[in-house]
Each structure stands twice: as C-alpha cells, then as structure tokens.
Amino acid sequence: MRRLAWILALTAIGDGVVGALMPIRHMRRWSQGPDWYRSLIRPFADHPQVTRALSVAQVVAGVAWTSQMSDDPTT
C-alpha cells in the first residue's frame, strides 16, 4: 500500500509539472471522451492561468504527501 501511495504522489507531481509548464497542451491531451467529460475539461484549456495555478498546487500537495511518508519499510 505504501508503494502505491508513493507512485500516486509521484504521478501527481509529474502531472502537475507538465500542467504548470504547458497548461493548454496538457489539458487538450485530456479532452478525449464523452461530451460531459470534454465540457468539464474545456474551461481549463480556455483558462491556462487557472490550470497553471491548480497544477502548482498539485505539485505542492504531492511533495507534501511524499515528505509525510515514512521511510520505515515495515509501515
């Protein structure tokens, strides 16, 4: 379970970095799927500063999460 949490945190960090550096391009990559999902994603592609801010928050949360994880292999 600990390894899965680590992988999820690192994925969040990486996704956040890409979203912060290339917000429009990153959100357009997620724009495939049903209409309801595309309508959910479209505002983020249309407002790159909001996407960038949320992506930076995602990186901060991922780093905070990993810093709270124990290095003890028995936990």
N, C-alpha and C. Protein backbone atom coordinates (compact mmCIF):
# COMPACT_ATOMS: atom_id res chain seq x y z
N MET A 1 0.82 -1.19 0.00
CA MET A 1 0.00 0.00 0.00
C MET A 1 0.87 1.26 0.00
N ARG A 2 1.96 1.21 0.74
CA ARG A 2 2.87 2.35 0.81
C ARG A 2 3.49 2.65 -0.55
N ARG A 3 3.85 1.60 -1.26
CA ARG A 3 4.44 1.79 -2.59
C ARG A 3 3.42 2.40 -3.56
N LEU A 4 2.17 1.98 -3.47
CA LEU A 4 1.12 2.56 -4.31
C LEU A 4 0.94 4.05 -4.01
N ALA A 5 0.95 4.40 -2.73
CA ALA A 5 0.84 5.81 -2.35
C ALA A 5 2.01 6.61 -2.91
N TRP A 6 3.20 6.04 -2.85
CA TRP A 6 4.40 6.71 -3.39
C TRP A 6 4.24 6.94 -4.90
N ILE A 7 3.80 5.92 -5.60
CA ILE A 7 3.61 6.03 -7.05
C ILE A 7 2.55 7.08 -7.38
N LEU A 8 1.46 7.11 -6.64
CA LEU A 8 0.42 8.11 -6.88
C LEU A 8 0.92 9.52 -6.62
N ALA A 9 1.69 9.68 -5.56
CA ALA A 9 2.24 11.01 -5.25
C ALA A 9 3.20 11.47 -6.34
N LEU A 10 4.06 10.58 -6.80
CA LEU A 10 5.00 10.95 -7.86
C LEU A 10 4.27 11.24 -9.17
N THR A 11 3.22 10.52 -9.44
CA THR A 11 2.40 10.78 -10.63
C THR A 11 1.75 12.15 -10.53
N ALA A 12 1.25 12.49 -9.36
CA ALA A 12 0.64 13.81 -9.16
C ALA A 12 1.67 14.92 -9.37
N ILE A 13 2.87 14.71 -8.88
CA ILE A 13 3.93 15.70 -9.05
C ILE A 13 4.25 15.89 -10.53
N GLY A 14 4.46 14.80 -11.22
CA GLY A 14 4.79 14.87 -12.65
C GLY A 14 3.68 15.50 -13.47
N ASP A 15 2.44 15.11 -13.20
CA ASP A 15 1.29 15.66 -13.91
C ASP A 15 1.19 17.16 -13.63
N GLY A 16 1.43 17.55 -12.39
CA GLY A 16 1.38 18.96 -12.03
C GLY A 16 2.45 19.78 -12.72
N VAL A 17 3.66 19.23 -12.83
CA VAL A 17 4.75 19.95 -13.50
C VAL A 17 4.40 20.18 -14.97
N VAL A 18 3.92 19.15 -15.64
CA VAL A 18 3.56 19.29 -17.05
C VAL A 18 2.40 20.29 -17.20
N GLY A 19 1.42 20.21 -16.32
CA GLY A 19 0.30 21.14 -16.37
C GLY A 19 0.72 22.58 -16.11
N ALA A 20 1.71 22.78 -15.25
CA ALA A 20 2.19 24.13 -14.97
C ALA A 20 3.00 24.69 -16.13
N LEU A 21 3.76 23.85 -16.80
CA LEU A 21 4.61 24.33 -17.89
C LEU A 21 3.86 24.47 -19.21
N MET A 22 2.91 23.59 -19.46
CA MET A 22 2.18 23.59 -20.74
C MET A 22 0.68 23.40 -20.48
N PRO A 23 0.02 24.36 -19.87
CA PRO A 23 -1.37 24.12 -19.43
C PRO A 23 -2.36 23.85 -20.56
N ILE A 24 -2.28 24.58 -21.65
CA ILE A 24 -3.24 24.37 -22.73
C ILE A 24 -3.01 23.02 -23.40
N ARG A 25 -1.78 22.76 -23.74
CA ARG A 25 -1.44 21.50 -24.39
C ARG A 25 -1.79 20.31 -23.50
N HIS A 26 -1.48 20.44 -22.22
CA HIS A 26 -1.75 19.35 -21.28
C HIS A 26 -3.25 19.07 -21.17
N MET A 27 -4.05 20.11 -21.06
CA MET A 27 -5.49 19.90 -20.92
C MET A 27 -6.11 19.39 -22.22
N ARG A 28 -5.57 19.79 -23.35
CA ARG A 28 -6.10 19.26 -24.61
C ARG A 28 -5.82 17.77 -24.74
N ARG A 29 -4.75 17.30 -24.14
CA ARG A 29 -4.47 15.86 -24.16
C ARG A 29 -5.54 15.08 -23.41
N TRP A 30 -6.17 15.73 -22.43
CA TRP A 30 -7.21 15.08 -21.64
C TRP A 30 -8.60 15.29 -22.22
N SER A 31 -8.70 15.93 -23.38
CA SER A 31 -10.01 16.31 -23.91
C SER A 31 -10.69 15.22 -24.74
N GLN A 32 -10.27 14.01 -24.62
CA GLN A 32 -10.92 12.89 -25.30
C GLN A 32 -11.96 12.28 -24.38
N GLY A 33 -13.02 11.76 -24.96
CA GLY A 33 -14.00 11.06 -24.14
C GLY A 33 -15.40 11.59 -24.37
N PRO A 34 -16.31 11.23 -23.47
CA PRO A 34 -17.70 11.61 -23.63
C PRO A 34 -17.89 13.14 -23.52
N ASP A 35 -19.02 13.61 -24.02
CA ASP A 35 -19.30 15.05 -24.03
C ASP A 35 -19.22 15.67 -22.64
N TRP A 36 -19.77 15.00 -21.64
CA TRP A 36 -19.77 15.57 -20.30
C TRP A 36 -18.34 15.77 -19.79
N TYR A 37 -17.44 14.85 -20.15
CA TYR A 37 -16.05 14.96 -19.72
C TYR A 37 -15.34 16.08 -20.47
N ARG A 38 -15.57 16.16 -21.78
CA ARG A 38 -14.95 17.24 -22.57
C ARG A 38 -15.41 18.61 -22.09
N SER A 39 -16.69 18.72 -21.73
CA SER A 39 -17.19 20.01 -21.23
C SER A 39 -16.58 20.34 -19.86
N LEU A 40 -16.20 19.33 -19.12
CA LEU A 40 -15.52 19.54 -17.83
C LEU A 40 -14.08 20.03 -18.03
N ILE A 41 -13.41 19.51 -19.03
CA ILE A 41 -12.01 19.83 -19.30
C ILE A 41 -11.84 21.16 -20.04
N ARG A 42 -12.75 21.49 -20.93
CA ARG A 42 -12.63 22.67 -21.80
C ARG A 42 -12.31 23.96 -21.04
N PRO A 43 -12.97 24.28 -19.92
CA PRO A 43 -12.64 25.53 -19.24
C PRO A 43 -11.18 25.62 -18.80
N PHE A 44 -10.59 24.50 -18.47
CA PHE A 44 -9.18 24.52 -18.06
C PHE A 44 -8.27 24.84 -19.24
N ALA A 45 -8.60 24.34 -20.41
CA ALA A 45 -7.82 24.67 -21.61
C ALA A 45 -8.05 26.12 -22.01
N ASP A 46 -9.25 26.63 -21.75
CA ASP A 46 -9.57 28.02 -22.09
C ASP A 46 -8.98 29.03 -21.10
N HIS A 47 -8.63 28.58 -19.92
CA HIS A 47 -8.09 29.47 -18.87
C HIS A 47 -6.77 28.89 -18.34
N PRO A 48 -5.70 29.06 -19.11
CA PRO A 48 -4.43 28.44 -18.74
C PRO A 48 -3.86 28.91 -17.40
N GLN A 49 -4.17 30.13 -16.97
CA GLN A 49 -3.63 30.58 -15.69
C GLN A 49 -4.26 29.82 -14.52
N VAL A 50 -5.53 29.51 -14.64
CA VAL A 50 -6.19 28.70 -13.61
C VAL A 50 -5.58 27.30 -13.60
N THR A 51 -5.40 26.73 -14.78
CA THR A 51 -4.79 25.40 -14.89
C THR A 51 -3.39 25.42 -14.30
N ARG A 52 -2.62 26.45 -14.61
CA ARG A 52 -1.26 26.56 -14.09
C ARG A 52 -1.26 26.64 -12.55
N ALA A 53 -2.14 27.45 -11.99
CA ALA A 53 -2.22 27.59 -10.54
C ALA A 53 -2.61 26.27 -9.87
N LEU A 54 -3.60 25.60 -10.43
CA LEU A 54 -4.01 24.31 -9.86
C LEU A 54 -2.91 23.26 -10.00
N SER A 55 -2.16 23.33 -11.09
CA SER A 55 -1.07 22.38 -11.30
C SER A 55 0.06 22.61 -10.29
N VAL A 56 0.36 23.86 -10.01
CA VAL A 56 1.38 24.17 -9.00
C VAL A 56 0.91 23.66 -7.63
N ALA A 57 -0.37 23.86 -7.32
CA ALA A 57 -0.92 23.35 -6.06
C ALA A 57 -0.83 21.82 -6.00
N GLN A 58 -1.02 21.18 -7.14
CA GLN A 58 -0.91 19.72 -7.20
C GLN A 58 0.52 19.27 -6.91
N VAL A 59 1.50 19.99 -7.44
CA VAL A 59 2.90 19.67 -7.18
C VAL A 59 3.20 19.84 -5.69
N VAL A 60 2.76 20.95 -5.12
CA VAL A 60 3.00 21.21 -3.70
C VAL A 60 2.36 20.11 -2.85
N ALA A 61 1.14 19.73 -3.18
CA ALA A 61 0.46 18.66 -2.42
C ALA A 61 1.19 17.34 -2.56
N GLY A 62 1.66 17.03 -3.76
CA GLY A 62 2.40 15.78 -3.97
C GLY A 62 3.71 15.74 -3.19
N VAL A 63 4.41 16.86 -3.18
CA VAL A 63 5.67 16.93 -2.42
C VAL A 63 5.38 16.83 -0.92
N ALA A 64 4.34 17.52 -0.46
CA ALA A 64 3.97 17.44 0.96
C ALA A 64 3.60 16.01 1.33
N TRP A 65 2.87 15.34 0.45
CA TRP A 65 2.46 13.96 0.70
C TRP A 65 3.69 13.05 0.83
N THR A 66 4.62 13.17 -0.11
CA THR A 66 5.80 12.32 -0.03
C THR A 66 6.65 12.64 1.18
N SER A 67 6.70 13.89 1.59
CA SER A 67 7.51 14.24 2.76
C SER A 67 6.92 13.68 4.05
N GLN A 68 5.64 13.39 4.05
CA GLN A 68 4.99 12.83 5.23
C GLN A 68 5.08 11.30 5.30
N MET A 69 5.50 10.68 4.20
CA MET A 69 5.58 9.22 4.18
C MET A 69 6.78 8.74 4.99
N SER A 70 6.57 7.65 5.64
CA SER A 70 7.61 7.06 6.48
C SER A 70 8.65 6.34 5.61
N ASP A 71 9.89 6.37 6.04
CA ASP A 71 10.94 5.61 5.36
C ASP A 71 11.06 4.19 5.93
N ASP A 72 10.29 3.93 6.98
CA ASP A 72 10.32 2.61 7.62
C ASP A 72 9.65 1.58 6.73
N PRO A 73 10.38 0.57 6.26
CA PRO A 73 9.80 -0.43 5.34
C PRO A 73 8.71 -1.30 6.00
N THR A 74 8.59 -1.26 7.30
CA THR A 74 7.58 -2.09 7.98
C THR A 74 6.24 -1.39 8.08
N THR A 75 6.15 -0.11 7.64
CA THR A 75 4.87 0.61 7.76
C THR A 75 4.19 0.72 6.43
